[in-house]
Amino acid sequence: MLKRLGLGLAALGRPGYINLGHGGDLQGETEVSALETRSHEVLDAARAVGITYFDAARSYGRAEAFLSSWLDSRGIEPGEVTVASKWGYVYTADWRIDAEHHEVKDLSAENLRRQAEESRALLGDHLCLYQIHSATLESGVFEDPEVREELDRLRRQGLEIGFTSTGPRQRETIERALEVGGFDAVQATWNLLERSAGPALADAHEAGLRVIVKEALANGRLIETVGDRAAIAAALAQPWADIVLSGAVTVDQLESNLRALDGVYDETLDAELAGLVEDPESYWSTRASLPWS
């Protein structure tokens, strides 16, 4: 079961993020060196219990650099763990929590080429999966011939290629990606508040794509209602979910997330929690309003 849990570094690689209570979790220790040390501690704890899937992105501040220094300092060889990253957003906060813009989206082929080189320079042969960050139908990224050509080139070189979805039209985005093909994995938001991508993720799993669940705790919102154990157990209970990401920023949080493995999530509990489901438009509107801290 531990092989189905992964660690996402969105909240570890930069001083600001939209998870509720993120600032308190870091306890003011936001210097680069402090966050690198913290990242290594959580990565060590994850690997010690058998977690082998680690997920970063170019826009996660220094997440790729922290992951790289951990891999090197622990003597981990390529292939011992699965390292995934993403391209498509540029980190612009300059290590400030109060930045006006923390990241800027750019799904152009030019940015793909630039960021792929940056990711590979940091992660080298450890990089296994490279994903479009927050693909949407509106972005047109699936139909961009230059992007598709570059992704195909990376795939021929041995990288698995995936995409992450976002927003109230996740289901349609995933369906379109399955139509155009060329993907090995999909990462999508699924949680007890936002379940709309479920049918498309089931189709993706059936088609042979690796399905990765992000934001199982709804950026911390579910901790206040059902707790992390039930929220993560719900995601793990989905038959199409291959990997469920923990976004822990402390070892204690990771250990708490792991307790989901001991719980039982069945149809009775699912029915009890069905009332939590929100309309996708409402869910994503609320998510967009969450403050960076």
Protein backbone atom coordinates (compact mmCIF):
# COMPACT_ATOMS: atom_id res chain seq x y z
CA MET A 1 0.00 0.00 0.00
CA LEU A 2 2.87 2.41 0.72
CA LYS A 3 3.84 2.16 -2.91
CA ARG A 4 0.58 3.99 -3.64
CA LEU A 5 1.56 7.02 -1.56
CA GLY A 6 3.81 9.73 -2.95
CA LEU A 7 5.23 12.99 -1.65
CA GLY A 8 4.51 16.27 -3.42
CA LEU A 9 6.90 19.16 -2.86
CA ALA A 10 4.64 22.10 -3.74
CA ALA A 11 4.61 23.37 -0.15
CA LEU A 12 8.22 22.47 0.68
CA GLY A 13 10.13 24.14 -2.13
CA ARG A 14 9.10 27.75 -1.50
CA PRO A 15 8.19 29.89 1.52
CA GLY A 16 4.63 30.62 0.41
CA TYR A 17 1.79 28.30 -0.61
CA ILE A 18 -2.01 28.18 -0.47
CA ASN A 19 -2.36 25.30 1.98
CA LEU A 20 -4.28 26.45 5.03
CA GLY A 21 -1.89 26.98 7.93
CA HIS A 22 1.20 26.72 5.75
CA GLY A 23 2.90 29.69 7.39
CA GLY A 24 2.33 28.25 10.84
CA ASP A 25 3.65 24.87 9.74
CA LEU A 26 6.94 26.48 8.69
CA GLN A 27 7.14 28.43 11.99
CA GLY A 28 8.87 31.34 10.30
CA GLU A 29 11.76 29.17 9.11
CA THR A 30 11.61 30.26 5.48
CA GLU A 31 15.26 30.80 4.62
CA VAL A 32 16.52 28.75 1.70
CA SER A 33 18.80 26.67 3.91
CA ALA A 34 16.04 26.03 6.45
CA LEU A 35 13.59 24.87 3.79
CA GLU A 36 16.21 22.64 2.21
CA THR A 37 16.88 21.02 5.58
CA ARG A 38 13.16 20.60 6.19
CA SER A 39 12.67 19.09 2.72
CA HIS A 40 15.45 16.59 3.34
CA GLU A 41 13.94 15.61 6.70
CA VAL A 42 10.53 14.93 5.18
CA LEU A 43 12.06 13.12 2.19
CA ASP A 44 14.11 10.95 4.57
CA ALA A 45 11.01 10.11 6.59
CA ALA A 46 9.07 9.26 3.44
CA ARG A 47 11.76 6.97 2.08
CA ALA A 48 12.23 5.31 5.47
CA VAL A 49 8.64 4.03 5.37
CA GLY A 50 8.81 2.92 1.75
CA ILE A 51 7.52 5.90 -0.22
CA THR A 52 9.37 6.05 -3.53
CA TYR A 53 7.39 8.54 -5.64
CA PHE A 54 8.42 12.22 -5.41
CA ASP A 55 6.75 15.05 -7.33
CA ALA A 56 8.18 18.51 -8.03
CA ALA A 57 7.78 21.30 -10.60
CA ARG A 58 9.75 24.17 -12.07
CA SER A 59 7.42 26.61 -10.33
CA TYR A 60 7.78 25.11 -6.86
CA GLY A 61 10.55 27.53 -5.96
CA ARG A 62 13.64 25.41 -5.28
CA ALA A 63 11.84 22.07 -4.97
CA GLU A 64 13.80 20.48 -7.80
CA ALA A 65 17.08 21.75 -6.34
CA PHE A 66 16.18 20.46 -2.87
CA LEU A 67 15.19 17.10 -4.31
CA SER A 68 18.42 16.96 -6.31
CA SER A 69 20.64 17.73 -3.32
CA TRP A 70 18.79 15.07 -1.30
CA LEU A 71 19.25 12.43 -4.01
CA ASP A 72 22.94 13.25 -4.28
CA SER A 73 23.66 13.46 -0.55
CA ARG A 74 21.90 10.14 0.13
CA GLY A 75 23.66 8.36 -2.71
CA ILE A 76 20.40 7.37 -4.38
CA GLU A 77 20.93 5.94 -7.84
CA PRO A 78 18.64 6.62 -10.83
CA GLY A 79 15.80 4.12 -10.80
CA GLU A 80 15.76 3.57 -7.04
CA VAL A 81 12.94 6.10 -6.69
CA THR A 82 10.50 7.66 -9.14
CA VAL A 83 11.08 11.37 -9.69
CA ALA A 84 8.44 13.43 -11.49
CA SER A 85 8.42 17.12 -12.34
CA LYS A 86 6.44 19.59 -14.39
CA TRP A 87 6.87 22.44 -16.83
CA GLY A 88 4.50 25.28 -17.65
CA TYR A 89 4.70 27.77 -14.78
CA VAL A 90 7.58 30.11 -14.01
CA TYR A 91 8.25 30.89 -10.34
CA THR A 92 8.17 34.68 -9.95
CA ALA A 93 7.79 35.31 -6.20
CA ASP A 94 11.53 35.85 -5.63
CA TRP A 95 11.24 33.98 -2.31
CA ARG A 96 8.62 36.42 -0.98
CA ILE A 97 5.40 35.31 0.67
CA ASP A 98 3.71 38.65 -0.05
CA ALA A 99 4.52 38.63 -3.78
CA GLU A 100 1.81 39.95 -6.08
CA HIS A 101 2.29 36.98 -8.42
CA HIS A 102 3.88 33.75 -7.25
CA GLU A 103 3.98 32.03 -10.63
CA VAL A 104 3.17 32.85 -14.24
CA LYS A 105 1.75 30.29 -16.64
CA ASP A 106 3.52 29.76 -19.96
CA LEU A 107 2.66 26.61 -21.93
CA SER A 108 4.62 27.61 -25.02
CA ALA A 109 7.02 25.27 -26.79
CA GLU A 110 9.82 27.73 -26.09
CA ASN A 111 9.18 27.53 -22.37
CA LEU A 112 8.92 23.74 -22.54
CA ARG A 113 12.36 23.51 -24.13
CA ARG A 114 13.85 25.93 -21.61
CA GLN A 115 12.31 24.33 -18.54
CA ALA A 116 13.04 20.79 -19.67
CA GLU A 117 16.72 21.71 -19.86
CA GLU A 118 16.52 23.29 -16.40
CA SER A 119 14.80 20.26 -14.88
CA ARG A 120 17.26 17.85 -16.44
CA ALA A 121 20.23 19.94 -15.33
CA LEU A 122 19.04 19.56 -11.73
CA LEU A 123 17.57 16.06 -11.73
CA GLY A 124 19.58 14.35 -14.46
CA ASP A 125 18.83 10.68 -15.03
CA HIS A 126 16.63 10.59 -11.91
CA LEU A 127 13.85 12.37 -13.82
CA CYS A 128 11.34 9.73 -14.92
CA LEU A 129 8.11 11.61 -15.62
CA TYR A 130 7.71 15.11 -17.07
CA GLN A 131 4.24 16.66 -16.96
CA ILE A 132 2.41 19.60 -18.49
CA HIS A 133 1.55 21.75 -15.49
CA SER A 134 -2.17 22.52 -15.25
CA ALA A 135 -3.27 21.72 -18.77
CA THR A 136 -6.71 23.07 -19.66
CA LEU A 137 -8.86 22.98 -22.76
CA GLU A 138 -8.61 26.77 -23.00
CA SER A 139 -4.81 26.69 -23.11
CA GLY A 140 -4.79 24.77 -26.41
CA VAL A 141 -1.65 22.94 -25.27
CA PHE A 142 -2.88 19.57 -26.53
CA GLU A 143 -3.24 20.97 -30.04
CA ASP A 144 0.01 22.96 -30.18
CA PRO A 145 2.13 21.19 -32.84
CA GLU A 146 5.45 22.53 -31.49
CA VAL A 147 4.65 21.42 -27.97
CA ARG A 148 3.52 17.99 -29.13
CA GLU A 149 6.66 17.57 -31.24
CA GLU A 150 8.88 18.45 -28.30
CA LEU A 151 6.98 16.16 -25.93
CA ASP A 152 7.27 13.32 -28.44
CA ARG A 153 11.02 13.98 -28.68
CA LEU A 154 11.41 13.78 -24.91
CA ARG A 155 9.34 10.61 -24.87
CA ARG A 156 11.57 9.00 -27.50
CA GLN A 157 14.54 9.83 -25.28
CA GLY A 158 13.04 7.72 -22.51
CA LEU A 159 11.02 10.18 -20.41
CA GLU A 160 7.45 9.32 -19.54
CA ILE A 161 5.17 12.22 -20.48
CA GLY A 162 2.14 13.27 -18.48
CA PHE A 163 -0.10 16.21 -17.71
CA THR A 164 -1.84 17.65 -14.69
CA SER A 165 -5.33 19.06 -14.83
CA THR A 166 -6.97 21.89 -12.96
CA GLY A 167 -10.23 23.82 -12.78
CA PRO A 168 -13.91 22.94 -13.09
CA ARG A 169 -13.44 21.27 -16.49
CA GLN A 170 -10.93 18.66 -15.40
CA ARG A 171 -13.11 15.85 -16.71
CA GLU A 172 -13.31 17.30 -20.20
CA THR A 173 -9.58 18.09 -20.18
CA ILE A 174 -8.68 14.49 -19.35
CA GLU A 175 -11.09 13.18 -21.97
CA ARG A 176 -9.46 15.40 -24.60
CA ALA A 177 -5.98 14.22 -23.61
CA LEU A 178 -7.08 10.61 -24.05
CA GLU A 179 -8.38 11.49 -27.51
CA VAL A 180 -5.11 13.04 -28.70
CA GLY A 181 -2.95 10.42 -26.98
CA GLY A 182 0.78 10.44 -26.32
CA PHE A 183 0.55 10.47 -22.52
CA ASP A 184 1.77 7.99 -19.93
CA ALA A 185 0.30 9.62 -16.81
CA VAL A 186 -2.32 12.05 -15.58
CA GLN A 187 -2.33 13.97 -12.31
CA ALA A 188 -5.60 15.51 -11.20
CA THR A 189 -7.34 16.99 -8.20
CA TRP A 190 -9.73 14.55 -6.58
CA ASN A 191 -11.01 14.82 -3.04
CA LEU A 192 -14.18 14.53 -0.98
CA LEU A 193 -15.18 18.06 -2.01
CA GLU A 194 -14.30 17.81 -5.71
CA ARG A 195 -15.00 14.42 -7.30
CA SER A 196 -15.91 15.52 -10.84
CA ALA A 197 -12.76 14.13 -12.49
CA GLY A 198 -13.43 10.60 -11.22
CA PRO A 199 -15.08 9.10 -14.33
CA ALA A 200 -12.38 10.46 -16.65
CA LEU A 201 -9.65 9.23 -14.33
CA ALA A 202 -11.22 5.79 -14.41
CA ASP A 203 -11.09 5.94 -18.21
CA ALA A 204 -7.45 7.04 -18.10
CA HIS A 205 -6.56 4.16 -15.79
CA GLU A 206 -8.34 1.72 -18.08
CA ALA A 207 -6.38 3.16 -21.02
CA GLY A 208 -3.11 2.37 -19.24
CA LEU A 209 -2.14 5.79 -17.90
CA ARG A 210 -0.73 6.11 -14.40
CA VAL A 211 -3.26 8.09 -12.36
CA ILE A 212 -1.88 10.40 -9.67
CA VAL A 213 -4.19 12.16 -7.21
CA LYS A 214 -3.19 15.61 -5.96
CA GLU A 215 -4.82 17.83 -3.35
CA ALA A 216 -6.55 14.95 -1.56
CA LEU A 217 -6.83 17.25 1.46
CA ALA A 218 -8.26 20.13 -0.61
CA ASN A 219 -5.34 22.39 0.38
CA GLY A 220 -6.07 21.72 4.03
CA ARG A 221 -9.80 22.39 3.95
CA LEU A 222 -10.65 18.76 4.68
CA ILE A 223 -8.42 18.63 7.75
CA GLU A 224 -10.92 20.94 9.42
CA THR A 225 -13.89 18.71 8.58
CA VAL A 226 -13.06 15.00 8.25
CA GLY A 227 -9.32 14.98 9.00
CA ASP A 228 -6.40 13.88 6.85
CA ARG A 229 -6.85 10.18 7.59
CA ALA A 230 -10.34 9.90 6.09
CA ALA A 231 -9.53 12.26 3.21
CA ILE A 232 -6.47 10.32 2.07
CA ALA A 233 -8.18 6.98 2.67
CA ALA A 234 -11.00 8.11 0.39
CA ALA A 235 -8.55 8.81 -2.41
CA LEU A 236 -6.72 5.52 -1.88
CA ALA A 237 -10.07 3.71 -2.04
CA GLN A 238 -10.62 4.77 -5.65
CA PRO A 239 -9.79 1.73 -7.82
CA TRP A 240 -8.29 3.92 -10.53
CA ALA A 241 -5.89 5.79 -8.23
CA ASP A 242 -2.32 4.54 -8.67
CA ILE A 243 -0.58 7.21 -6.54
CA VAL A 244 -2.03 9.58 -3.94
CA LEU A 245 0.22 12.49 -3.05
CA SER A 246 0.86 13.71 0.47
CA GLY A 247 1.70 17.40 0.65
CA ALA A 248 3.23 17.17 4.12
CA VAL A 249 5.69 19.86 5.18
CA THR A 250 6.62 18.28 8.51
CA VAL A 251 7.51 14.75 9.54
CA ASP A 252 4.56 14.79 11.96
CA GLN A 253 2.19 15.64 9.12
CA LEU A 254 3.59 12.83 7.01
CA GLU A 255 3.18 10.36 9.86
CA SER A 256 -0.40 11.54 10.33
CA ASN A 257 -1.09 11.11 6.61
CA LEU A 258 0.29 7.57 6.80
CA ARG A 259 -2.34 6.62 9.35
CA ALA A 260 -4.81 6.67 6.47
CA LEU A 261 -3.36 3.28 5.55
CA ASP A 262 -4.75 1.81 8.76
CA GLY A 263 -8.27 3.09 8.20
CA VAL A 264 -11.19 1.48 6.44
CA TYR A 265 -12.99 3.51 3.83
CA ASP A 266 -16.12 1.72 2.64
CA GLU A 267 -19.41 2.46 0.92
CA THR A 268 -21.09 3.30 4.21
CA LEU A 269 -18.55 5.98 5.09
CA ASP A 270 -18.57 7.24 1.51
CA ALA A 271 -22.35 7.70 1.69
CA GLU A 272 -22.02 9.57 4.99
CA LEU A 273 -19.55 11.99 3.43
CA ALA A 274 -21.36 12.45 0.13
CA GLY A 275 -22.92 15.67 1.39
CA LEU A 276 -19.50 17.33 1.36
CA VAL A 277 -19.36 17.41 -2.44
CA GLU A 278 -19.30 20.91 -3.90
CA ASP A 279 -20.20 22.15 -7.34
CA PRO A 280 -16.92 22.28 -9.31
CA GLU A 281 -17.31 25.96 -10.15
CA SER A 282 -17.79 26.77 -6.47
CA TYR A 283 -14.90 24.56 -5.39
CA TRP A 284 -12.41 26.11 -7.78
CA SER A 285 -13.60 29.61 -6.99
CA THR A 286 -12.93 28.96 -3.31
CA ARG A 287 -9.54 27.46 -4.10
CA ALA A 288 -8.58 30.52 -6.14
CA SER A 289 -9.36 32.75 -3.15
CA LEU A 290 -7.12 30.89 -0.70
CA PRO A 291 -4.35 33.17 0.59
CA TRP A 292 -0.66 32.44 0.17
CA SER A 293 1.01 32.04 3.54
